[in-house]
Protein backbone atom coordinates (compact mmCIF):
# COMPACT_ATOMS: atom_id res chain seq x y z
CA MET A 1 -0.02 -0.28 0.18
CA SER A 2 2.56 2.29 1.26
CA LEU A 3 4.73 1.48 -2.25
CA PHE A 4 1.29 2.11 -4.25
CA ARG A 5 0.88 5.74 -2.48
CA ARG A 6 4.68 6.45 -3.19
CA LEU A 7 4.07 5.84 -7.19
CA LYS A 8 1.47 8.52 -7.38
CA GLN A 9 3.23 10.59 -5.23
CA SER A 10 6.09 10.51 -7.81
CA LYS A 11 3.91 10.41 -10.74
CA PHE A 12 2.29 13.58 -9.11
CA LEU A 13 5.40 15.99 -8.92
CA GLY A 14 6.41 14.58 -12.01
CA TRP A 15 3.74 16.47 -13.55
CA ILE A 16 3.81 19.12 -11.73
CA VAL A 17 7.63 19.43 -12.80
CA ALA A 18 6.20 18.74 -16.73
CA ALA A 19 4.34 22.14 -16.04
CA LEU A 20 6.43 24.40 -14.43
CA LEU A 21 8.97 23.66 -17.43
CA LEU A 22 6.37 24.28 -19.90
CA ALA A 23 5.42 27.47 -18.21
CA VAL A 24 9.51 28.39 -18.26
CA THR A 25 9.33 27.88 -21.91
CA LEU A 26 5.92 29.99 -22.58
CA PHE A 27 7.76 32.86 -20.61
CA ASN A 28 10.86 32.87 -22.85
CA PHE A 29 8.78 33.07 -26.15
CA GLN A 30 6.97 35.60 -25.18
CA GLN A 31 9.63 37.64 -23.95
CA LYS A 32 11.58 37.33 -27.05
CA GLN A 33 8.04 38.54 -28.51
CA VAL A 34 7.47 42.09 -26.56
CA ASN A 35 11.73 42.50 -27.17
CA SER A 36 11.12 41.99 -30.85
CA THR A 37 8.73 44.19 -31.08
CA PRO A 38 9.08 47.99 -31.25
CA SER A 39 7.54 49.34 -27.61
CA ALA A 40 4.28 52.42 -27.38
CA SER A 41 6.40 54.86 -26.50
CA LEU A 42 9.01 54.29 -29.58
CA LEU A 43 5.94 53.58 -31.61
CA ALA A 44 4.65 57.10 -30.26
CA GLU A 45 7.53 59.15 -31.01
CA GLN A 46 8.10 58.28 -34.48
CA THR A 47 4.25 59.09 -35.06
CA THR A 48 4.64 62.38 -33.23
CA GLN A 49 7.56 63.44 -35.71
CA ASN A 50 4.42 63.77 -38.25
CA VAL A 51 1.77 65.22 -35.97
CA ALA A 52 1.37 68.55 -34.43
CA ILE A 53 1.51 68.71 -30.62
CA VAL A 54 -2.25 68.86 -29.67
CA ASN A 55 -3.88 71.33 -26.61
CA PRO A 56 -3.80 69.01 -24.00
CA GLU A 57 -6.54 70.36 -21.94
CA ASN A 58 -9.02 69.59 -24.38
CA SER A 59 -9.63 65.86 -23.86
CA SER A 60 -12.28 65.25 -26.59
CA ASN A 61 -10.80 62.49 -29.15
CA SER A 62 -13.16 64.48 -31.66
CA THR A 63 -12.04 67.54 -30.45
CA GLN A 64 -8.39 66.83 -30.84
CA ASN A 65 -8.30 65.28 -34.31
CA SER A 66 -9.85 68.27 -35.52
CA GLN A 67 -6.35 69.72 -34.16
CA ILE A 68 -4.12 67.43 -35.68
CA GLU A 69 -2.16 69.31 -37.97
CA THR A 70 0.58 67.11 -40.23
CA ILE A 71 4.25 69.40 -39.34
CA ALA A 72 6.26 66.33 -41.85
CA LYS A 73 7.10 69.56 -43.36
CA SER A 74 9.65 70.68 -40.42
CA ASN A 75 10.27 67.50 -39.21
CA ALA A 76 10.83 65.33 -41.78
CA CYS A 77 12.55 65.00 -45.12
CA THR A 78 9.43 64.91 -47.33
CA GLU A 79 9.37 66.19 -51.75
CA GLN A 80 7.64 69.26 -51.60
CA SER A 81 7.61 72.78 -53.61
CA PRO A 82 8.89 75.74 -51.43
CA PHE A 83 7.13 78.41 -53.87
CA ASP A 84 4.10 76.41 -53.52
CA GLU A 85 3.95 76.41 -49.82
CA SER A 86 5.46 79.80 -49.96
CA VAL A 87 2.23 81.17 -51.63
CA ARG A 88 0.13 79.19 -49.16
CA PHE A 89 0.93 80.89 -46.11
CA ALA A 90 1.11 84.37 -48.52
CA LEU A 91 -2.79 83.93 -49.40
CA ARG A 92 -3.61 83.16 -45.73
CA GLY A 93 -1.35 86.25 -44.47
CA SER A 94 -3.47 87.98 -47.01
CA ASN A 95 -6.55 86.94 -46.02
CA LEU A 96 -6.07 87.49 -42.27
CA ALA A 97 -5.08 91.26 -42.79
CA GLN A 98 -8.48 92.01 -44.65
CA THR A 99 -10.03 91.66 -40.98
CA ALA A 100 -6.91 92.49 -38.70
CA LYS A 101 -7.94 94.57 -36.12
CA THR A 102 -6.66 93.85 -32.89
CA LYS A 103 -2.48 93.30 -31.76
CA GLN A 104 -2.66 89.35 -31.69
CA GLN A 105 -4.65 89.36 -35.29
CA TRP A 106 -2.25 91.74 -37.13
CA ASP A 107 0.45 89.37 -35.12
CA GLU A 108 -0.41 86.19 -36.57
CA VAL A 109 -1.20 88.29 -40.20
CA ALA A 110 2.82 88.68 -39.30
CA ARG A 111 3.43 85.06 -38.72
CA ASN A 112 2.36 83.85 -41.83
CA TRP A 113 3.70 86.40 -43.68
CA VAL A 114 7.47 85.89 -41.86
CA GLN A 115 6.66 81.85 -43.35
CA ALA A 116 5.98 82.69 -46.89
CA VAL A 117 9.42 84.61 -46.79
CA ALA A 118 11.12 81.40 -45.54
CA TRP A 119 9.44 79.32 -48.09
CA MET A 120 10.07 81.61 -51.55
CA GLN A 121 13.84 82.26 -49.67
CA ALA A 122 14.19 77.62 -49.92
CA VAL A 123 13.58 78.24 -54.18
CA PRO A 124 16.30 76.14 -55.14
CA PRO A 125 19.53 78.86 -57.39
CA ASN A 126 19.49 76.69 -59.80
CA SER A 127 15.31 76.88 -60.05
CA PRO A 128 13.68 77.84 -63.16
CA LYS A 129 11.33 79.87 -59.93
CA ARG A 130 14.35 81.37 -58.63
CA ALA A 131 14.17 84.80 -60.31
CA PHE A 132 10.78 85.16 -59.67
CA ALA A 133 11.13 84.08 -56.57
CA GLU A 134 13.30 86.83 -55.55
CA LYS A 135 11.20 89.65 -56.20
CA LYS A 136 8.45 87.98 -54.22
CA VAL A 137 10.64 87.55 -50.89
CA VAL A 138 11.11 91.38 -51.38
CA GLU A 139 7.60 91.68 -52.14
CA TYR A 140 6.25 89.38 -48.59
CA MET A 141 9.19 91.46 -46.65
CA ARG A 142 7.16 94.39 -47.50
CA ASN A 143 4.24 93.01 -46.45
CA LEU A 144 5.63 91.79 -43.18
CA THR A 145 7.02 94.65 -42.53
CA TYR A 146 3.52 96.79 -42.88
CA SER A 147 1.60 93.63 -40.71
CA GLN A 148 4.60 94.78 -38.27
CA GLN A 149 3.84 98.46 -38.04
CA GLN A 150 0.23 97.47 -37.78
CA ALA A 151 0.64 95.20 -34.77
CA ALA A 152 3.13 98.17 -33.13
CA LYS A 153 0.57 101.04 -33.55
CA THR A 154 -2.56 98.73 -32.54
CA GLN A 155 -2.53 100.04 -28.62
CA MET A 156 -2.39 97.39 -25.85
CA THR A 157 -4.56 96.40 -24.02
CA SER A 158 -4.29 98.27 -20.62
CA GLN A 159 -6.05 99.08 -17.48
CA PHE A 160 -3.85 101.95 -16.60
CA PRO A 161 -5.49 105.37 -17.98
CA SER A 162 -3.19 107.95 -19.87
CA PHE A 163 -0.83 110.09 -18.41
CA ASP A 164 -2.25 112.68 -21.47
CA SER A 165 1.14 112.16 -22.44
CA GLU A 166 1.34 109.56 -25.52
CA LEU A 167 5.35 109.42 -25.69
CA LEU A 168 5.07 109.13 -21.69
CA ASP A 169 2.50 106.51 -21.87
CA GLU A 170 4.41 104.44 -24.74
CA GLN A 171 8.00 104.55 -23.13
CA LEU A 172 6.46 103.70 -19.51
CA GLN A 173 4.73 100.73 -20.67
CA LEU A 174 8.57 99.69 -22.91
CA TYR A 175 10.16 100.11 -19.77
CA LEU A 176 8.21 97.91 -17.65
CA SER A 177 8.24 95.52 -20.52
CA TYR A 178 12.21 96.09 -20.60
CA LEU A 179 12.21 95.84 -16.32
CA SER A 180 9.90 92.37 -17.03
CA THR A 181 12.14 90.88 -20.09
CA VAL A 182 15.76 91.98 -19.04
CA GLY A 183 15.61 93.58 -15.65
CA LYS A 184 16.79 96.86 -14.28
CA PRO A 185 19.27 98.63 -16.76
CA ASP A 186 22.03 99.52 -15.55
CA ILE A 187 22.19 103.38 -16.96
CA LEU A 188 18.74 105.11 -17.51
CA ILE A 189 19.11 107.78 -19.77
CA VAL A 190 16.56 110.78 -19.14
CA GLY A 191 15.59 113.87 -20.18
CA SER A 192 13.50 115.55 -23.07
CA SER A 193 12.89 114.69 -26.85
CA ARG A 194 16.78 116.05 -27.17
CA ALA A 195 17.87 112.78 -25.15
CA LEU A 196 15.30 110.91 -26.60
CA GLN A 197 17.03 111.28 -29.98
CA GLY A 198 20.55 112.24 -28.50
CA ILE A 199 22.08 109.04 -26.48
CA ASP A 200 21.88 105.83 -28.67
CA PRO A 201 22.27 102.76 -25.94
CA ARG A 202 23.40 100.27 -28.30
CA GLU A 203 26.65 102.83 -29.74
CA MET A 204 26.80 103.58 -25.43
CA LYS A 205 27.46 100.02 -24.60
CA GLN A 206 29.24 99.29 -27.64
CA ALA A 207 31.97 101.78 -26.80
CA LEU A 208 31.48 101.43 -23.09
CA ALA A 209 32.27 97.56 -23.20
CA ALA A 210 35.50 98.82 -25.27
CA LYS A 211 36.80 100.68 -22.57
CA GLY A 212 36.26 97.62 -20.38
CA TYR A 213 32.59 97.75 -19.10
CA GLN A 214 31.07 94.85 -20.82
CA GLY A 215 27.33 93.40 -20.54
CA LEU A 216 26.25 97.19 -19.25
CA LYS A 217 22.17 97.26 -19.70
CA ILE A 218 21.10 100.66 -20.92
CA PHE A 219 17.40 102.34 -21.44
CA ASN A 220 16.36 106.09 -22.85
CA PHE A 221 13.76 106.67 -21.00
CA GLY A 222 13.30 110.28 -22.99
CA VAL A 223 9.65 112.03 -23.10
CA ASN A 224 9.69 114.74 -25.58
CA GLY A 225 8.89 118.29 -23.89
CA ALA A 226 10.10 116.59 -20.46
CA THR A 227 11.37 119.88 -18.09
CA ALA A 228 13.11 118.91 -14.82
CA GLN A 229 9.44 118.82 -12.92
CA VAL A 230 8.54 115.56 -15.68
CA VAL A 231 11.63 114.37 -14.81
CA ASP A 232 11.21 114.85 -11.14
CA TYR A 233 8.09 113.26 -11.48
CA VAL A 234 8.98 110.35 -13.64
CA LEU A 235 12.30 109.45 -11.18
CA THR A 236 9.93 110.17 -7.72
CA ASP A 237 6.58 109.53 -8.21
CA LEU A 238 6.24 106.90 -11.58
CA LEU A 239 8.96 104.76 -10.70
CA THR A 240 9.28 102.80 -7.43
CA PRO A 241 13.44 102.55 -5.69
CA ASN A 242 12.87 99.44 -7.07
CA GLN A 243 12.47 100.12 -10.92
CA LEU A 244 15.51 102.60 -10.74
CA PRO A 245 19.06 101.85 -12.70
CA LYS A 246 22.54 102.31 -10.74
CA MET A 247 23.07 105.16 -12.57
CA ILE A 248 20.69 108.17 -14.04
CA VAL A 249 22.44 109.96 -17.14
CA TRP A 250 20.19 113.69 -17.70
CA ALA A 251 20.71 114.74 -21.27
CA ASP A 252 19.17 117.91 -22.05
CA GLY A 253 19.99 121.37 -22.01
CA VAL A 254 18.61 125.12 -20.78
CA ARG A 255 15.41 124.86 -22.40
CA ALA A 256 14.49 121.90 -19.53
CA LEU A 257 15.49 124.47 -16.47
CA ASN A 258 14.19 127.76 -17.52
CA SER A 259 10.86 128.41 -15.15
CA GLY A 260 9.77 131.21 -16.99
CA ARG A 261 8.30 128.62 -19.81
CA ILE A 262 4.96 127.00 -19.75
CA ASP A 263 5.42 123.79 -18.74
CA ARG A 264 2.38 122.25 -20.27
CA THR A 265 3.88 119.06 -20.58
CA TYR A 266 3.91 118.91 -16.48
CA GLN A 267 0.50 120.14 -16.65
CA SER A 268 -1.06 118.13 -18.55
CA ILE A 269 0.48 114.78 -16.88
CA ILE A 270 -0.86 116.42 -13.42
CA ALA A 271 -4.49 116.55 -14.80
CA SER A 272 -4.42 113.38 -16.08
CA GLU A 273 -6.70 110.41 -15.36
CA GLY A 274 -3.34 108.60 -15.01
CA HIS A 275 -1.79 110.70 -12.71
CA LYS A 276 -4.99 110.63 -10.06
CA ARG A 277 -5.03 106.81 -10.22
CA LEU A 278 -1.09 107.47 -8.69
CA ALA A 279 -1.87 109.60 -6.40
CA SER A 280 -5.15 107.18 -5.02
CA GLY A 281 -1.94 104.44 -4.43
CA VAL A 282 -2.37 102.39 -7.71
CA ARG A 283 0.42 102.23 -9.53
CA PRO A 284 0.85 101.63 -13.25
CA GLN A 285 2.08 97.63 -14.47
CA LEU A 286 2.06 95.17 -16.78
CA THR A 287 -0.91 92.71 -16.48
CA SER A 288 -0.64 88.96 -17.88
CA THR A 289 -3.44 86.82 -18.65
CA GLN A 290 -1.56 84.58 -20.19
CA SER A 291 1.67 82.24 -20.35
CA ASP A 292 4.65 83.92 -22.14
CA ASN A 293 4.65 80.08 -23.67
CA THR A 294 2.78 79.37 -26.28
CA GLN A 295 1.42 76.02 -28.21
CA THR A 296 2.31 77.06 -31.85
CA CYS A 297 3.74 74.58 -34.79
CA TYR A 298 5.80 76.69 -37.46
CA GLN A 299 6.26 75.29 -40.84
CA LEU A 300 9.31 76.49 -41.63
CA PRO A 301 11.79 75.06 -45.22
CA GLN A 302 15.12 72.93 -44.16
CA SER A 303 17.52 71.34 -45.97
CA CYS A 304 17.30 67.74 -45.56
CA SER A 305 21.07 67.24 -47.21
CA ALA A 306 22.88 68.48 -44.91
CA LYS A 307 23.01 68.39 -41.21
CA PRO A 308 23.10 72.41 -39.76
CA LYS A 309 26.67 73.94 -39.17
CA TRP A 310 24.94 75.72 -36.30
CA VAL A 311 22.28 75.28 -33.24
CA LEU A 312 21.10 78.28 -31.36
CA PRO A 313 22.32 77.54 -27.68
CA GLN A 314 20.01 76.68 -24.96
CA ALA A 315 18.86 79.92 -22.52
CA HIS A 316 19.43 80.16 -18.84
CA GLN A 317 18.28 82.68 -16.92
CA ASP A 318 21.74 84.15 -16.05
CA GLN A 319 21.95 84.93 -19.77
CA GLN A 320 22.07 87.68 -20.77
CA ILE A 321 20.48 87.04 -24.19
CA PHE A 322 17.93 89.48 -24.51
CA ASP A 323 19.47 93.12 -24.48
CA GLN A 324 22.53 92.04 -27.03
CA ASP A 325 22.22 94.09 -30.06
CA PHE A 326 20.87 92.08 -33.49
CA SER A 327 20.59 94.92 -35.68
CA LEU A 328 22.01 95.73 -38.93
CA LYS A 329 24.60 98.91 -37.90
CA ASN A 330 23.58 101.87 -39.91
CA ALA A 331 21.11 100.18 -41.97
CA ASN A 332 19.07 102.47 -44.29
CA LEU A 333 15.73 101.50 -43.90
CA LYS A 334 12.90 103.13 -45.64
CA SER A 335 9.24 103.27 -44.46
CA PHE A 336 7.03 99.84 -46.47
CA SER A 337 3.55 100.39 -47.55
CA PRO A 338 1.69 97.45 -48.94
CA VAL A 339 2.63 95.99 -52.44
CA ALA A 340 -0.04 95.55 -55.22
CA PHE A 341 0.53 92.90 -57.02
CA ASN A 342 1.34 92.51 -60.49
CA SER A 343 -1.05 89.87 -63.09
CA ALA A 344 0.65 90.61 -66.23
CA THR A 345 4.28 89.44 -64.43
CA SER A 346 2.44 86.12 -62.75
CA PRO A 347 -0.71 85.38 -64.01
CA GLN A 348 -0.83 81.91 -62.03
CA VAL A 349 -0.51 83.40 -58.47
CA SER A 350 -3.66 84.45 -56.87
CA PRO A 351 -3.56 88.19 -55.70
CA LEU A 352 -1.47 88.96 -52.77
CA PHE A 353 -1.84 92.36 -51.53
CA TYR A 354 -3.64 94.47 -48.80
CA ARG A 355 -6.77 96.26 -48.99
CA PRO A 356 -6.54 98.12 -45.91
CA SER A 357 -9.41 99.55 -44.56
CA GLU A 358 -9.91 103.87 -44.35
CA GLN A 359 -8.80 103.41 -40.69
CA THR A 360 -5.57 101.28 -41.54
CA SER A 361 -4.28 103.19 -44.14
CA ALA A 362 -2.92 106.29 -42.96
CA THR A 363 0.42 106.92 -42.99
CA LEU A 364 2.26 104.86 -41.84
CA ILE A 365 5.48 106.15 -39.39
CA SER A 366 8.99 104.88 -40.25
CA LEU A 367 11.21 102.79 -39.57
CA ASN A 368 13.79 104.67 -39.27
CA THR A 369 11.66 106.96 -36.43
CA THR A 370 10.77 104.38 -33.90
CA ILE A 371 11.60 103.71 -31.12
CA ASP A 372 13.61 100.67 -30.30
CA ALA A 373 13.62 98.46 -27.66
CA ASN A 374 16.16 100.36 -25.38
CA GLY A 375 13.54 103.37 -25.75
CA PHE A 376 15.90 104.97 -28.12
CA LEU A 377 14.21 107.52 -31.43
CA SER A 378 16.32 107.21 -34.09
CA ALA A 379 15.91 110.18 -36.63
CA PRO A 380 17.46 109.46 -39.90
CA SER A 381 16.99 112.64 -41.72
CA ARG A 382 20.30 115.69 -41.83
CA TYR A 383 20.06 118.90 -40.86
CA ASN A 384 20.08 121.25 -44.11
CA PRO A 385 19.06 124.57 -42.75
CA TYR A 386 18.79 126.34 -46.58
CA THR A 387 16.01 123.56 -46.81
CA TYR A 388 15.03 123.49 -43.19
CA TYR A 389 14.08 127.34 -43.44
CA GLN A 390 12.61 126.91 -47.15
CA GLN A 391 9.81 125.67 -45.24
CA ARG A 392 9.57 126.55 -41.63
CA PRO A 393 10.29 130.52 -40.10
CA TYR A 394 13.08 131.46 -38.71
CA VAL A 395 12.39 132.12 -34.72
CA SER A 396 15.23 134.39 -32.96
CA GLY A 397 15.30 133.16 -29.28
CA ARG A 398 13.51 136.65 -27.86
CA TYR A 399 10.65 135.08 -29.44
CA ASP A 400 11.58 131.31 -28.67
CA GLY A 401 8.57 130.09 -26.00
CA ASP A 402 11.60 128.02 -24.43
CA TYR A 403 13.33 130.94 -23.71
CA ARG A 404 10.27 133.46 -22.68
CA ALA A 405 10.66 134.84 -19.84
CA PHE A 406 14.15 133.27 -19.38
CA ASN A 407 15.11 132.31 -15.34
CA LEU A 408 16.69 129.35 -13.89
CA ALA A 409 15.03 130.12 -10.27
CA GLY A 410 12.10 128.61 -10.29
CA GLU A 411 9.38 126.04 -10.39
CA GLN A 412 12.31 124.35 -12.39
CA ALA A 413 15.38 125.04 -10.08
CA ARG A 414 13.23 123.52 -7.28
CA ALA A 415 12.42 120.39 -8.98
CA PHE A 416 15.93 119.96 -10.06
CA SER A 417 16.99 119.66 -6.26
CA SER A 418 14.10 117.58 -5.33
CA VAL A 419 15.96 115.12 -8.26
CA ILE A 420 19.42 115.46 -7.01
CA GLY A 421 18.51 115.16 -3.71
CA TYR A 422 16.18 111.83 -4.07
CA VAL A 423 18.90 110.14 -6.29
CA LYS A 424 21.24 110.61 -3.33
CA THR A 425 18.62 108.97 -1.26
CA GLN A 426 19.43 105.93 -3.46
CA ASN A 427 22.77 105.50 -3.79
CA ILE A 428 22.24 106.81 -7.65
CA PRO A 429 25.45 108.89 -9.38
CA LEU A 430 23.56 111.50 -11.40
CA VAL A 431 25.57 112.24 -14.55
CA PHE A 432 24.10 115.81 -16.08
CA VAL A 433 24.77 115.99 -19.94
CA ASN A 434 24.62 119.62 -22.31
CA LEU A 435 23.61 118.51 -25.36
CA PRO A 436 25.38 120.23 -28.84
CA LEU A 437 23.03 122.92 -30.46
CA THR A 438 24.05 124.07 -34.14
CA ASP A 439 25.64 127.86 -34.91
CA ASP A 440 22.61 128.65 -36.46
CA TYR A 441 20.27 128.40 -33.83
CA LEU A 442 22.60 130.01 -30.93
CA ASP A 443 21.65 133.74 -32.02
CA SER A 444 22.91 136.13 -30.15
CA TYR A 445 20.24 136.14 -27.48
CA ARG A 446 19.82 131.60 -26.98
CA TRP A 447 24.01 132.21 -26.41
CA TRP A 448 23.85 134.59 -23.82
CA ALA A 449 20.97 132.37 -21.87
CA GLU A 450 23.43 129.13 -23.08
CA GLN A 451 26.26 130.69 -21.15
CA GLU A 452 24.33 131.53 -18.12
CA PHE A 453 23.07 127.71 -17.85
CA GLN A 454 26.75 126.89 -18.04
CA ASN A 455 27.61 128.49 -14.97
CA ASN A 456 24.91 127.96 -13.40
CA MET A 457 25.29 124.09 -13.55
CA GLN A 458 29.27 124.18 -13.03
CA ARG A 459 28.43 125.74 -9.95
CA LEU A 460 25.53 123.27 -8.52
CA SER A 461 27.92 120.69 -9.89
CA GLN A 462 30.47 121.68 -7.57
CA GLU A 463 28.29 122.15 -4.31
CA TYR A 464 25.61 119.03 -4.85
CA GLY A 465 28.11 116.90 -6.00
CA PHE A 466 26.46 115.59 -9.48
CA ILE A 467 28.52 115.15 -12.50
CA PHE A 468 28.14 118.10 -15.59
CA ILE A 469 29.21 117.02 -18.63
CA ASP A 470 28.97 120.04 -21.20
CA LEU A 471 29.08 118.66 -25.03
CA SER A 472 28.30 121.76 -26.64
CA GLU A 473 31.60 121.97 -28.04
CA ALA A 474 32.23 122.76 -32.09
CA ALA A 475 33.18 119.46 -33.21
CA LEU A 476 29.64 118.05 -32.16
CA THR A 477 27.84 121.08 -33.94
CA ARG A 478 27.86 119.58 -37.30
CA TYR A 479 25.06 120.01 -39.40
CA GLU A 480 25.14 116.61 -40.12
CA TYR A 481 24.89 115.57 -37.10
CA PHE A 482 21.46 117.56 -37.04
CA VAL A 483 18.13 116.41 -38.24
CA ASP A 484 16.80 120.25 -36.98
CA PRO A 485 18.84 123.13 -35.78
CA SER A 486 18.22 121.52 -31.34
CA HIS A 487 18.04 117.53 -32.08
CA LEU A 488 20.48 115.20 -32.92
CA ASN A 489 19.95 112.84 -35.77
CA ARG A 490 20.78 109.08 -35.07
CA TYR A 491 24.20 109.74 -36.52
CA GLY A 492 25.30 112.73 -33.62
CA ALA A 493 23.85 109.83 -31.44
CA GLN A 494 26.28 107.74 -31.92
CA VAL A 495 28.82 110.16 -31.13
CA VAL A 496 27.08 112.11 -28.30
CA ALA A 497 27.22 107.85 -26.95
CA GLN A 498 30.90 107.32 -28.11
CA LYS A 499 32.28 110.66 -26.30
CA LEU A 500 30.22 109.81 -23.23
CA ALA A 501 31.93 106.38 -22.73
CA GLY A 502 35.00 108.44 -23.46
CA GLN A 503 34.79 110.67 -20.25
CA SER A 504 37.09 109.51 -17.41
CA ALA A 505 35.21 111.58 -14.92
CA ILE A 506 32.18 109.61 -15.21
CA PRO A 507 32.09 105.91 -12.83
CA TRP A 508 30.55 103.77 -15.09
CA PRO A 509 28.58 100.85 -13.28
CA ARG A 510 29.94 97.72 -13.37
CA SER A 511 27.55 94.57 -15.10
CA GLN A 512 26.94 91.59 -12.67
């Protein structure tokens, strides 16, 4: 009996062993199958090279499917016609321009023209379409410029009321955006329109870098009509101590400190809704309703025949990449307007031109005379007294409103003293620059006022400890440096920036 039981147990154990061996064999077979099959993540990675990123906030499959777009053009090597792709984007940009009104809508128009230009430029050099494509690139660039101008002209939505000074509103908004993007400037230029177009921040930055002061951030906060009272208001009331720079360069002249003149700019600011809001304790600030990051798929041409020779470096927070000078120096840009399509030269292509409404067809501001990202107004034209006074009457200094009842005491002097006292409490060095004037502007009355002003500033600088730089030297009064008798053009602004950078008396800050 015991022998029989032992045989049964041994058979049972044998079956168990056989079952285990079979299980191990099946497991090994499945493992081989898994290893030979692409993973789901790999399939997803391969698939996403041919589809656009879907909005993650939309969980509906049908909505997602409707949002999927093929972007193999930018991620994979596919055979396509750059000319046809360019026309497609140009058509879309042209159609969007017909109804564009907001800044966001004009931005979308500009993005389409950017892609249209890129694809048209990608037409191969040996293509029969190349000569025609080169002409279309120029046309599309003009339309891109037009859309950029329209986007710039369209006011950004602001919850803060105006200070009744269009340029002050614009400069304040730009400066707050500069602070948010780049951070506090090392040097802040203030003053009237003479400062606004009289010192080029980028030229000063390069000149100071050559002197060993690399990486300085410089912003021009000039405002047309700004007197000492306006500068005092901007520095002590409008901006907070945390928004002030390491150094202030006040560039102007005698007119800014004449208390006898009517200070219309300051009066308008004080009576404005913006001032009332500021006086109530509410400060102007930029409000953001959306993230800086956007989910956008760009379709730009990319050569598949060779690897790119360069790549863009990754941006880190400690890299000062936003304030670099990427402009074409001394570029002779012209004001562009939309170019009409010529059906005689290109009958196969649909007309790609704007039909702006009456509201958007006003004369555009030239790109030469728009304020750049550093607050500087570049004036390209050169002063010619012979043609200038054929179009305008000559006004002598005795009848000039800016020299009216000439007085270096009074309200402007008090405002100047307020600025000096305030920057001292903030440990901010102040440099006052007397900008040059043309000789035909300095008649006997203005010359007398200029001498009074220079003597007064020399005395005040020694008394209060600020730095006074007089740039009224003859070498800087050449007509080619001016746009009118008292305002520098961009060439003069470059020379003044270089002159200032060479002033050993100025304790320039160091970039951190």
